[in-house]
């Protein structure tokens, strides 16, 4: 329960996320992740930050988590100048325009960092050279049923497994 004037306040979001997480709800983890990202992420990155699988039996898919949060009126999709379509916690309209430059700078910095990690993995031979994918690629990097900021197959002896036929099966860096 909350007072109407408390809706959307930092305390509201903290308690809602805590309660949902205590009840083992994927919705709580998604809200907590959005809060950690300043209350907003590009829509394309929501499946990454939510921690929910793309598709997996007995688990809510990231798409379903977003749909349920939207239907409950807890998040909405907004167009942010210079960033594009974003998923955001429900806030005052002014909140979406405040800090746009900082959000763009953060996203740009993260892209530089991911690019540096990609090159590091390639150059040290930790990952298969032409198979390193980042969230800036056309298709989101995926390992199993989850999407990541970066992923690549790895043939390091510590992570390689072999099939019954003796063929190497790579591990993954994510």
N, C-alpha and C. Protein backbone atom coordinates (compact mmCIF):
# COMPACT_ATOMS: atom_id res chain seq x y z
N UNK A 1 0.84 -1.18 0.00
CA UNK A 1 0.00 0.00 0.00
C UNK A 1 0.88 1.24 0.00
N UNK A 2 0.40 2.29 -0.64
CA UNK A 2 1.13 3.54 -0.69
C UNK A 2 0.14 4.68 -0.88
N UNK A 3 0.56 5.87 -0.53
CA UNK A 3 -0.26 7.05 -0.78
C UNK A 3 -0.08 7.44 -2.23
N UNK A 4 -1.13 8.01 -2.81
CA UNK A 4 -1.07 8.38 -4.22
C UNK A 4 0.10 9.31 -4.53
N UNK A 5 0.42 10.22 -3.63
CA UNK A 5 1.52 11.16 -3.86
C UNK A 5 2.88 10.47 -3.82
N UNK A 6 2.95 9.25 -3.27
CA UNK A 6 4.21 8.51 -3.20
C UNK A 6 4.53 7.76 -4.48
N UNK A 7 3.53 7.58 -5.35
CA UNK A 7 3.75 6.82 -6.57
C UNK A 7 4.87 7.43 -7.40
N UNK A 8 5.81 6.61 -7.82
CA UNK A 8 6.91 7.06 -8.66
C UNK A 8 8.09 7.62 -7.90
N UNK A 9 7.98 7.73 -6.58
CA UNK A 9 9.10 8.26 -5.79
C UNK A 9 10.19 7.20 -5.68
N UNK A 10 11.43 7.60 -5.39
CA UNK A 10 12.51 6.61 -5.22
C UNK A 10 12.18 5.55 -4.17
N UNK A 11 11.55 5.96 -3.08
CA UNK A 11 11.18 5.01 -2.02
C UNK A 11 10.14 4.01 -2.53
N UNK A 12 9.19 4.48 -3.34
CA UNK A 12 8.18 3.61 -3.93
C UNK A 12 8.85 2.51 -4.76
N UNK A 13 9.76 2.92 -5.66
CA UNK A 13 10.42 1.95 -6.54
C UNK A 13 11.28 0.98 -5.75
N UNK A 14 11.98 1.47 -4.73
CA UNK A 14 12.84 0.61 -3.92
C UNK A 14 12.02 -0.47 -3.23
N UNK A 15 10.93 -0.06 -2.61
CA UNK A 15 10.08 -1.02 -1.87
C UNK A 15 9.36 -1.99 -2.80
N UNK A 16 8.90 -1.48 -3.94
CA UNK A 16 8.22 -2.36 -4.90
C UNK A 16 9.20 -3.42 -5.41
N UNK A 17 10.38 -3.01 -5.82
CA UNK A 17 11.38 -3.97 -6.32
C UNK A 17 11.76 -4.97 -5.23
N UNK A 18 11.98 -4.48 -4.01
CA UNK A 18 12.36 -5.36 -2.90
C UNK A 18 11.27 -6.40 -2.65
N UNK A 19 10.02 -5.97 -2.61
CA UNK A 19 8.91 -6.89 -2.36
C UNK A 19 8.79 -7.93 -3.47
N UNK A 20 8.90 -7.49 -4.72
CA UNK A 20 8.80 -8.44 -5.83
C UNK A 20 9.96 -9.42 -5.83
N UNK A 21 11.17 -8.94 -5.53
CA UNK A 21 12.34 -9.83 -5.49
C UNK A 21 12.20 -10.84 -4.36
N UNK A 22 11.73 -10.38 -3.19
CA UNK A 22 11.52 -11.30 -2.06
C UNK A 22 10.54 -12.40 -2.42
N UNK A 23 9.62 -12.10 -3.33
CA UNK A 23 8.64 -13.09 -3.77
C UNK A 23 9.11 -13.81 -5.04
N UNK A 24 10.40 -13.65 -5.36
CA UNK A 24 11.04 -14.33 -6.48
C UNK A 24 10.38 -14.03 -7.82
N UNK A 25 10.03 -12.78 -8.04
CA UNK A 25 9.38 -12.36 -9.27
C UNK A 25 10.38 -11.77 -10.25
N UNK A 26 10.30 -12.19 -11.49
CA UNK A 26 11.16 -11.64 -12.55
C UNK A 26 10.88 -10.16 -12.73
N UNK A 27 9.67 -9.72 -12.42
CA UNK A 27 9.33 -8.30 -12.55
C UNK A 27 10.16 -7.45 -11.61
N UNK A 28 10.40 -7.94 -10.40
CA UNK A 28 11.20 -7.21 -9.42
C UNK A 28 12.63 -7.03 -9.88
N UNK A 29 13.21 -8.07 -10.47
CA UNK A 29 14.58 -7.98 -10.97
C UNK A 29 14.67 -6.97 -12.12
N UNK A 30 13.66 -6.95 -12.97
CA UNK A 30 13.66 -6.00 -14.07
C UNK A 30 13.55 -4.56 -13.56
N UNK A 31 12.69 -4.33 -12.57
CA UNK A 31 12.57 -2.99 -11.98
C UNK A 31 13.88 -2.58 -11.32
N UNK A 32 14.49 -3.50 -10.57
CA UNK A 32 15.76 -3.19 -9.91
C UNK A 32 16.83 -2.86 -10.95
N UNK A 33 16.86 -3.59 -12.05
CA UNK A 33 17.85 -3.32 -13.10
C UNK A 33 17.59 -1.97 -13.76
N UNK A 34 16.33 -1.64 -13.99
CA UNK A 34 16.02 -0.31 -14.56
C UNK A 34 16.46 0.79 -13.60
N UNK A 35 16.23 0.60 -12.31
CA UNK A 35 16.66 1.59 -11.32
C UNK A 35 18.18 1.75 -11.34
N UNK A 36 18.90 0.65 -11.48
CA UNK A 36 20.36 0.71 -11.52
C UNK A 36 20.86 1.43 -12.77
N UNK A 37 20.04 1.47 -13.79
CA UNK A 37 20.39 2.16 -15.03
C UNK A 37 19.75 3.54 -15.12
N UNK A 38 19.45 4.13 -13.99
CA UNK A 38 18.89 5.47 -13.98
C UNK A 38 17.42 5.53 -14.33
N UNK A 39 16.72 4.41 -14.27
CA UNK A 39 15.28 4.40 -14.54
C UNK A 39 14.91 4.26 -15.99
N UNK A 40 15.92 4.11 -16.86
CA UNK A 40 15.62 4.06 -18.29
C UNK A 40 16.74 3.36 -19.05
N UNK A 41 16.38 2.54 -20.03
CA UNK A 41 17.35 1.92 -20.93
C UNK A 41 16.78 1.92 -22.34
N UNK A 42 17.64 1.91 -23.36
CA UNK A 42 17.13 1.74 -24.71
C UNK A 42 16.32 0.45 -24.80
N UNK A 43 15.20 0.50 -25.50
CA UNK A 43 14.29 -0.65 -25.58
C UNK A 43 15.02 -1.91 -26.04
N UNK A 44 15.96 -1.76 -26.94
CA UNK A 44 16.73 -2.90 -27.45
C UNK A 44 17.51 -3.60 -26.33
N UNK A 45 17.90 -2.86 -25.29
CA UNK A 45 18.70 -3.44 -24.22
C UNK A 45 17.87 -4.02 -23.08
N UNK A 46 16.57 -3.85 -23.11
CA UNK A 46 15.75 -4.37 -22.02
C UNK A 46 15.90 -5.87 -21.81
N UNK A 47 15.93 -6.70 -22.87
CA UNK A 47 16.12 -8.14 -22.63
C UNK A 47 17.45 -8.46 -21.95
N UNK A 48 18.46 -7.63 -22.15
CA UNK A 48 19.77 -7.85 -21.52
C UNK A 48 19.69 -7.52 -20.04
N UNK A 49 19.19 -6.34 -19.70
CA UNK A 49 19.20 -5.91 -18.31
C UNK A 49 18.17 -6.63 -17.45
N UNK A 50 17.10 -7.12 -18.07
CA UNK A 50 16.04 -7.78 -17.29
C UNK A 50 16.52 -9.10 -16.68
N UNK A 51 17.48 -9.74 -17.32
CA UNK A 51 17.95 -11.03 -16.83
C UNK A 51 17.02 -12.17 -17.13
N UNK A 52 15.98 -11.91 -17.88
CA UNK A 52 15.02 -12.95 -18.25
C UNK A 52 15.43 -13.59 -19.56
N UNK A 53 15.12 -14.87 -19.74
CA UNK A 53 15.50 -15.55 -20.98
C UNK A 53 14.69 -15.05 -22.17
N UNK A 54 15.22 -15.32 -23.36
CA UNK A 54 14.48 -15.00 -24.58
C UNK A 54 13.26 -15.92 -24.65
N UNK A 55 13.50 -17.19 -24.42
CA UNK A 55 12.42 -18.18 -24.40
C UNK A 55 12.94 -19.39 -23.63
N UNK A 56 12.21 -19.76 -22.60
CA UNK A 56 12.61 -20.92 -21.80
C UNK A 56 11.39 -21.42 -21.05
N UNK A 57 11.20 -22.72 -21.04
CA UNK A 57 10.04 -23.30 -20.35
C UNK A 57 10.07 -22.95 -18.87
N UNK A 58 8.90 -22.67 -18.33
CA UNK A 58 8.68 -22.36 -16.91
C UNK A 58 9.37 -21.08 -16.45
N UNK A 59 9.73 -20.21 -17.38
CA UNK A 59 10.31 -18.91 -17.05
C UNK A 59 9.63 -17.84 -17.89
N UNK A 60 9.50 -16.65 -17.31
CA UNK A 60 8.93 -15.54 -18.07
C UNK A 60 9.98 -15.01 -19.05
N UNK A 61 9.59 -14.86 -20.30
CA UNK A 61 10.49 -14.29 -21.30
C UNK A 61 10.60 -12.79 -21.05
N UNK A 62 11.71 -12.21 -21.48
CA UNK A 62 11.92 -10.77 -21.31
C UNK A 62 10.77 -9.97 -21.95
N UNK A 63 10.30 -10.43 -23.08
CA UNK A 63 9.18 -9.77 -23.77
C UNK A 63 7.92 -9.79 -22.89
N UNK A 64 7.67 -10.90 -22.21
CA UNK A 64 6.51 -11.03 -21.32
C UNK A 64 6.67 -10.14 -20.10
N UNK A 65 7.88 -10.08 -19.55
CA UNK A 65 8.16 -9.22 -18.39
C UNK A 65 7.85 -7.77 -18.76
N UNK A 66 8.34 -7.33 -19.91
CA UNK A 66 8.09 -5.96 -20.36
C UNK A 66 6.60 -5.72 -20.56
N UNK A 67 5.92 -6.67 -21.16
CA UNK A 67 4.49 -6.53 -21.40
C UNK A 67 3.72 -6.41 -20.08
N UNK A 68 4.06 -7.23 -19.11
CA UNK A 68 3.35 -7.19 -17.81
C UNK A 68 3.65 -5.90 -17.05
N UNK A 69 4.88 -5.44 -17.08
CA UNK A 69 5.22 -4.18 -16.42
C UNK A 69 4.48 -3.01 -17.08
N UNK A 70 4.37 -3.07 -18.40
CA UNK A 70 3.65 -2.01 -19.13
C UNK A 70 2.16 -2.05 -18.81
N UNK A 71 1.57 -3.23 -18.82
CA UNK A 71 0.14 -3.38 -18.51
C UNK A 71 -0.17 -2.94 -17.09
N UNK A 72 0.76 -3.15 -16.17
CA UNK A 72 0.56 -2.75 -14.77
C UNK A 72 0.78 -1.24 -14.58
N UNK A 73 1.23 -0.57 -15.63
CA UNK A 73 1.45 0.88 -15.54
C UNK A 73 2.74 1.24 -14.81
N UNK A 74 3.68 0.31 -14.72
CA UNK A 74 4.93 0.56 -14.00
C UNK A 74 6.04 1.07 -14.92
N UNK A 75 5.99 0.70 -16.19
CA UNK A 75 6.95 1.21 -17.17
C UNK A 75 6.20 1.67 -18.40
N UNK A 76 6.87 2.44 -19.20
CA UNK A 76 6.32 2.82 -20.49
C UNK A 76 7.46 3.02 -21.47
N UNK A 77 7.10 3.01 -22.74
CA UNK A 77 8.08 3.24 -23.78
C UNK A 77 8.00 4.72 -24.16
N UNK A 78 9.16 5.36 -24.16
CA UNK A 78 9.22 6.78 -24.48
C UNK A 78 10.29 7.01 -25.54
N UNK A 79 10.09 8.04 -26.34
CA UNK A 79 11.09 8.45 -27.32
C UNK A 79 11.98 9.50 -26.67
N UNK A 80 13.27 9.21 -26.63
CA UNK A 80 14.23 10.13 -26.02
C UNK A 80 15.12 10.70 -27.12
N UNK A 81 15.16 12.03 -27.25
CA UNK A 81 15.98 12.63 -28.30
C UNK A 81 17.44 12.20 -28.20
N UNK A 82 17.99 11.78 -29.33
CA UNK A 82 19.39 11.39 -29.38
C UNK A 82 19.65 9.95 -28.96
N UNK A 83 18.64 9.28 -28.41
CA UNK A 83 18.82 7.89 -27.97
C UNK A 83 17.85 6.98 -28.73
N UNK A 84 16.61 7.43 -28.87
CA UNK A 84 15.59 6.63 -29.53
C UNK A 84 14.58 6.09 -28.55
N UNK A 85 13.96 4.99 -28.90
CA UNK A 85 12.92 4.39 -28.07
C UNK A 85 13.55 3.77 -26.82
N UNK A 86 13.01 4.13 -25.66
CA UNK A 86 13.53 3.63 -24.38
C UNK A 86 12.41 3.07 -23.53
N UNK A 87 12.76 2.12 -22.68
CA UNK A 87 11.84 1.60 -21.66
C UNK A 87 12.19 2.34 -20.38
N UNK A 88 11.19 2.95 -19.76
CA UNK A 88 11.44 3.77 -18.58
C UNK A 88 10.43 3.48 -17.49
N UNK A 89 10.89 3.59 -16.25
CA UNK A 89 9.97 3.54 -15.12
C UNK A 89 9.05 4.74 -15.22
N UNK A 90 7.82 4.59 -14.78
CA UNK A 90 6.86 5.69 -14.86
C UNK A 90 7.32 6.80 -13.92
N UNK A 91 7.55 7.95 -14.48
CA UNK A 91 8.04 9.12 -13.75
C UNK A 91 7.29 10.34 -14.27
N UNK A 92 7.64 11.50 -13.75
CA UNK A 92 7.13 12.74 -14.32
C UNK A 92 7.69 12.89 -15.73
N UNK A 93 6.94 13.51 -16.62
CA UNK A 93 7.38 13.70 -18.00
C UNK A 93 8.72 14.42 -18.07
N UNK A 94 8.97 15.37 -17.16
CA UNK A 94 10.22 16.12 -17.17
C UNK A 94 11.42 15.21 -16.98
N UNK A 95 11.23 14.11 -16.26
CA UNK A 95 12.32 13.20 -15.95
C UNK A 95 12.96 12.64 -17.21
N UNK A 96 12.17 12.45 -18.26
CA UNK A 96 12.68 11.83 -19.48
C UNK A 96 13.61 12.75 -20.26
N UNK A 97 13.47 14.05 -20.09
CA UNK A 97 14.33 14.97 -20.82
C UNK A 97 15.55 15.39 -20.01
N UNK A 98 15.46 15.29 -18.69
CA UNK A 98 16.59 15.65 -17.83
C UNK A 98 17.65 14.57 -17.95
N UNK A 99 18.88 14.99 -18.16
CA UNK A 99 19.98 14.04 -18.20
C UNK A 99 20.13 13.28 -19.49
N UNK A 100 19.51 13.73 -20.58
CA UNK A 100 19.63 13.03 -21.85
C UNK A 100 21.08 13.01 -22.31
N UNK A 101 21.80 14.11 -22.14
CA UNK A 101 23.21 14.16 -22.54
C UNK A 101 24.03 13.15 -21.73
N UNK A 102 23.72 13.05 -20.44
CA UNK A 102 24.44 12.10 -19.59
C UNK A 102 24.14 10.65 -20.01
N UNK A 103 22.89 10.39 -20.36
CA UNK A 103 22.53 9.04 -20.81
C UNK A 103 23.25 8.69 -22.09
N UNK A 104 23.28 9.63 -23.05
CA UNK A 104 23.99 9.37 -24.31
C UNK A 104 25.47 9.15 -24.05
N UNK A 105 26.05 9.94 -23.15
CA UNK A 105 27.47 9.80 -22.83
C UNK A 105 27.73 8.43 -22.20
N UNK A 106 26.84 8.00 -21.32
CA UNK A 106 27.01 6.69 -20.69
C UNK A 106 26.94 5.58 -21.72
N UNK A 107 25.95 5.64 -22.62
CA UNK A 107 25.83 4.62 -23.65
C UNK A 107 27.05 4.60 -24.56
N UNK A 108 27.54 5.77 -24.91
CA UNK A 108 28.73 5.87 -25.77
C UNK A 108 29.95 5.28 -25.06
N UNK A 109 30.11 5.59 -23.80
CA UNK A 109 31.22 5.07 -23.01
C UNK A 109 31.14 3.55 -22.89
N UNK A 110 29.93 3.03 -22.67
CA UNK A 110 29.75 1.58 -22.59
C UNK A 110 30.12 0.92 -23.91
N UNK A 111 29.77 1.56 -25.04
CA UNK A 111 30.12 1.01 -26.35
C UNK A 111 31.64 0.95 -26.53
N UNK A 112 32.33 1.99 -26.09
CA UNK A 112 33.80 2.01 -26.17
C UNK A 112 34.38 0.88 -25.33
N UNK A 113 33.86 0.71 -24.12
CA UNK A 113 34.33 -0.34 -23.23
C UNK A 113 34.08 -1.72 -23.82
N UNK A 114 32.89 -1.95 -24.35
CA UNK A 114 32.58 -3.24 -24.97
C UNK A 114 33.49 -3.51 -26.17
N UNK A 115 33.77 -2.49 -26.94
CA UNK A 115 34.68 -2.62 -28.08
C UNK A 115 36.08 -3.00 -27.61
N UNK A 116 36.54 -2.38 -26.51
CA UNK A 116 37.87 -2.69 -25.97
C UNK A 116 37.92 -4.13 -25.45
N UNK A 117 36.86 -4.58 -24.77
CA UNK A 117 36.82 -5.95 -24.26
C UNK A 117 36.79 -6.93 -25.44
N UNK A 118 36.02 -6.59 -26.48
CA UNK A 118 35.97 -7.44 -27.68
C UNK A 118 37.37 -7.61 -28.27
N UNK A 119 38.10 -6.50 -28.44
CA UNK A 119 39.46 -6.57 -28.99
C UNK A 119 40.40 -7.34 -28.08
N UNK A 120 40.27 -7.17 -26.78
CA UNK A 120 41.08 -7.88 -25.79
C UNK A 120 40.87 -9.39 -25.93
N UNK A 121 39.60 -9.81 -25.99
CA UNK A 121 39.28 -11.24 -26.12
C UNK A 121 39.83 -11.80 -27.43
N UNK A 122 39.73 -11.03 -28.51
CA UNK A 122 40.24 -11.46 -29.81
C UNK A 122 41.77 -11.59 -29.79
N UNK A 123 42.43 -10.53 -29.34
CA UNK A 123 43.88 -10.47 -29.42
C UNK A 123 44.58 -11.46 -28.52
N UNK A 124 43.98 -11.82 -27.39
CA UNK A 124 44.59 -12.80 -26.50
C UNK A 124 44.18 -14.23 -26.83
N UNK A 125 43.31 -14.38 -27.82
CA UNK A 125 42.88 -15.72 -28.21
C UNK A 125 41.93 -16.36 -27.22
N UNK A 126 41.31 -15.56 -26.38
CA UNK A 126 40.37 -16.10 -25.41
C UNK A 126 39.07 -16.50 -26.10
N UNK A 127 38.71 -15.75 -27.13
CA UNK A 127 37.47 -16.02 -27.86
C UNK A 127 37.79 -16.22 -29.34
N UNK A 128 36.91 -16.91 -30.00
CA UNK A 128 37.04 -17.12 -31.44
C UNK A 128 37.02 -15.75 -32.13
N UNK A 129 38.07 -15.43 -32.88
CA UNK A 129 38.33 -14.07 -33.35
C UNK A 129 37.15 -13.40 -34.05
N UNK A 130 36.57 -14.03 -35.03
CA UNK A 130 35.50 -13.39 -35.80
C UNK A 130 34.10 -13.65 -35.26
N UNK A 131 34.01 -14.24 -34.08
CA UNK A 131 32.70 -14.59 -33.53
C UNK A 131 32.30 -13.79 -32.31
N UNK A 132 33.09 -12.78 -31.93
CA UNK A 132 32.73 -11.95 -30.78
C UNK A 132 31.60 -11.01 -31.20
N UNK A 133 30.52 -11.03 -30.44
CA UNK A 133 29.35 -10.19 -30.74
C UNK A 133 29.09 -9.27 -29.54
N UNK A 134 28.66 -8.04 -29.85
CA UNK A 134 28.28 -7.10 -28.80
C UNK A 134 26.86 -6.63 -29.05
N UNK A 135 26.31 -5.93 -28.08
CA UNK A 135 24.92 -5.47 -28.19
C UNK A 135 24.72 -4.46 -29.30
N UNK A 136 25.80 -3.94 -29.88
CA UNK A 136 25.66 -2.98 -30.98
C UNK A 136 25.52 -3.69 -32.33
N UNK A 137 25.72 -5.01 -32.36
CA UNK A 137 25.55 -5.76 -33.60
C UNK A 137 24.07 -5.85 -33.96
N UNK A 138 23.82 -6.25 -35.21
CA UNK A 138 22.44 -6.36 -35.70
C UNK A 138 21.60 -7.25 -34.78
N UNK A 139 22.15 -8.40 -34.42
CA UNK A 139 21.45 -9.35 -33.56
C UNK A 139 22.11 -9.33 -32.19
N UNK A 140 21.31 -9.32 -31.13
CA UNK A 140 21.86 -9.30 -29.77
C UNK A 140 22.66 -10.58 -29.52
N UNK A 141 23.80 -10.48 -28.82
CA UNK A 141 24.60 -11.67 -28.52
C UNK A 141 23.83 -12.60 -27.59
N UNK A 142 23.81 -13.87 -27.93
CA UNK A 142 23.02 -14.82 -27.15
C UNK A 142 23.85 -16.05 -26.82
N UNK A 143 23.73 -16.51 -25.58
CA UNK A 143 24.30 -17.78 -25.15
C UNK A 143 23.16 -18.52 -24.47
N UNK A 144 22.86 -19.68 -24.98
CA UNK A 144 21.72 -20.43 -24.45
C UNK A 144 20.44 -19.66 -24.72
N UNK A 145 19.65 -19.45 -23.68
CA UNK A 145 18.39 -18.73 -23.86
C UNK A 145 18.45 -17.29 -23.36
N UNK A 146 19.66 -16.80 -23.09
CA UNK A 146 19.82 -15.45 -22.56
C UNK A 146 20.62 -14.57 -23.53
N UNK A 147 20.30 -13.26 -23.53
CA UNK A 147 21.07 -12.31 -24.32
C UNK A 147 21.99 -11.53 -23.39
N UNK A 148 23.11 -11.08 -23.94
CA UNK A 148 24.16 -10.46 -23.15
C UNK A 148 24.65 -9.19 -23.84
N UNK A 149 25.45 -8.41 -23.14
CA UNK A 149 26.10 -7.25 -23.75
C UNK A 149 27.18 -7.70 -24.73
N UNK A 150 27.83 -8.83 -24.42
CA UNK A 150 28.91 -9.36 -25.25
C UNK A 150 28.94 -10.87 -25.07
N UNK A 151 29.17 -11.60 -26.15
CA UNK A 151 29.35 -13.05 -26.04
C UNK A 151 30.22 -13.53 -27.19
N UNK A 152 30.89 -14.66 -26.94
CA UNK A 152 31.73 -15.27 -27.96
C UNK A 152 32.04 -16.70 -27.58
N UNK A 153 32.16 -17.59 -28.57
CA UNK A 153 32.60 -18.94 -28.27
C UNK A 153 34.08 -18.92 -27.90
N UNK A 154 34.47 -19.81 -27.01
CA UNK A 154 35.87 -19.88 -26.58
C UNK A 154 36.36 -21.32 -26.67
N UNK A 155 37.56 -21.47 -27.24
CA UNK A 155 38.16 -22.80 -27.36
C UNK A 155 39.33 -22.99 -26.41
N UNK A 156 39.39 -22.20 -25.32
CA UNK A 156 40.41 -22.42 -24.30
C UNK A 156 40.19 -23.80 -23.69
N UNK A 157 41.27 -24.48 -23.39
CA UNK A 157 41.15 -25.86 -22.91
C UNK A 157 40.30 -25.99 -21.65
N UNK A 158 40.27 -24.96 -20.83
CA UNK A 158 39.50 -25.03 -19.59
C UNK A 158 37.99 -25.04 -19.82
N UNK A 159 37.53 -24.54 -20.95
CA UNK A 159 36.09 -24.44 -21.18
C UNK A 159 35.58 -25.32 -22.32
N UNK A 160 36.49 -25.93 -23.08
CA UNK A 160 36.08 -26.79 -24.19
C UNK A 160 35.65 -28.15 -23.67
N UNK A 161 34.57 -28.64 -24.24
CA UNK A 161 34.12 -30.01 -23.97
C UNK A 161 34.16 -30.75 -25.30
N UNK A 162 34.15 -32.05 -25.22
CA UNK A 162 34.20 -32.84 -26.45
C UNK A 162 32.96 -33.71 -26.56
N UNK A 163 32.46 -33.82 -27.80
CA UNK A 163 31.31 -34.67 -28.05
C UNK A 163 31.76 -36.13 -28.02
N UNK A 164 30.82 -37.04 -28.10
CA UNK A 164 31.16 -38.47 -28.11
C UNK A 164 32.01 -38.84 -29.32
N UNK A 165 31.83 -38.07 -30.39
CA UNK A 165 32.60 -38.33 -31.60
C UNK A 165 34.00 -37.72 -31.52
N UNK A 166 34.28 -36.99 -30.43
CA UNK A 166 35.60 -36.39 -30.25
C UNK A 166 35.74 -34.99 -30.82
N UNK A 167 34.65 -34.40 -31.28
CA UNK A 167 34.71 -33.05 -31.82
C UNK A 167 34.64 -32.04 -30.68
N UNK A 168 35.41 -30.94 -30.79
CA UNK A 168 35.37 -29.93 -29.71
C UNK A 168 34.06 -29.16 -29.71
N UNK A 169 33.55 -28.91 -28.52
CA UNK A 169 32.34 -28.11 -28.33
C UNK A 169 32.77 -26.93 -27.48
N UNK A 170 32.69 -25.71 -28.03
CA UNK A 170 33.25 -24.56 -27.31
C UNK A 170 32.48 -24.18 -26.06
N UNK A 171 33.19 -23.54 -25.14
CA UNK A 171 32.55 -22.87 -24.03
C UNK A 171 32.23 -21.46 -24.50
N UNK A 172 31.77 -20.62 -23.62
CA UNK A 172 31.42 -19.27 -24.04
C UNK A 172 31.92 -18.23 -23.05
N UNK A 173 32.25 -17.07 -23.59
CA UNK A 173 32.55 -15.89 -22.80
C UNK A 173 31.30 -15.02 -22.93
N UNK A 174 30.78 -14.56 -21.81
CA UNK A 174 29.59 -13.70 -21.86
C UNK A 174 29.74 -12.60 -20.82
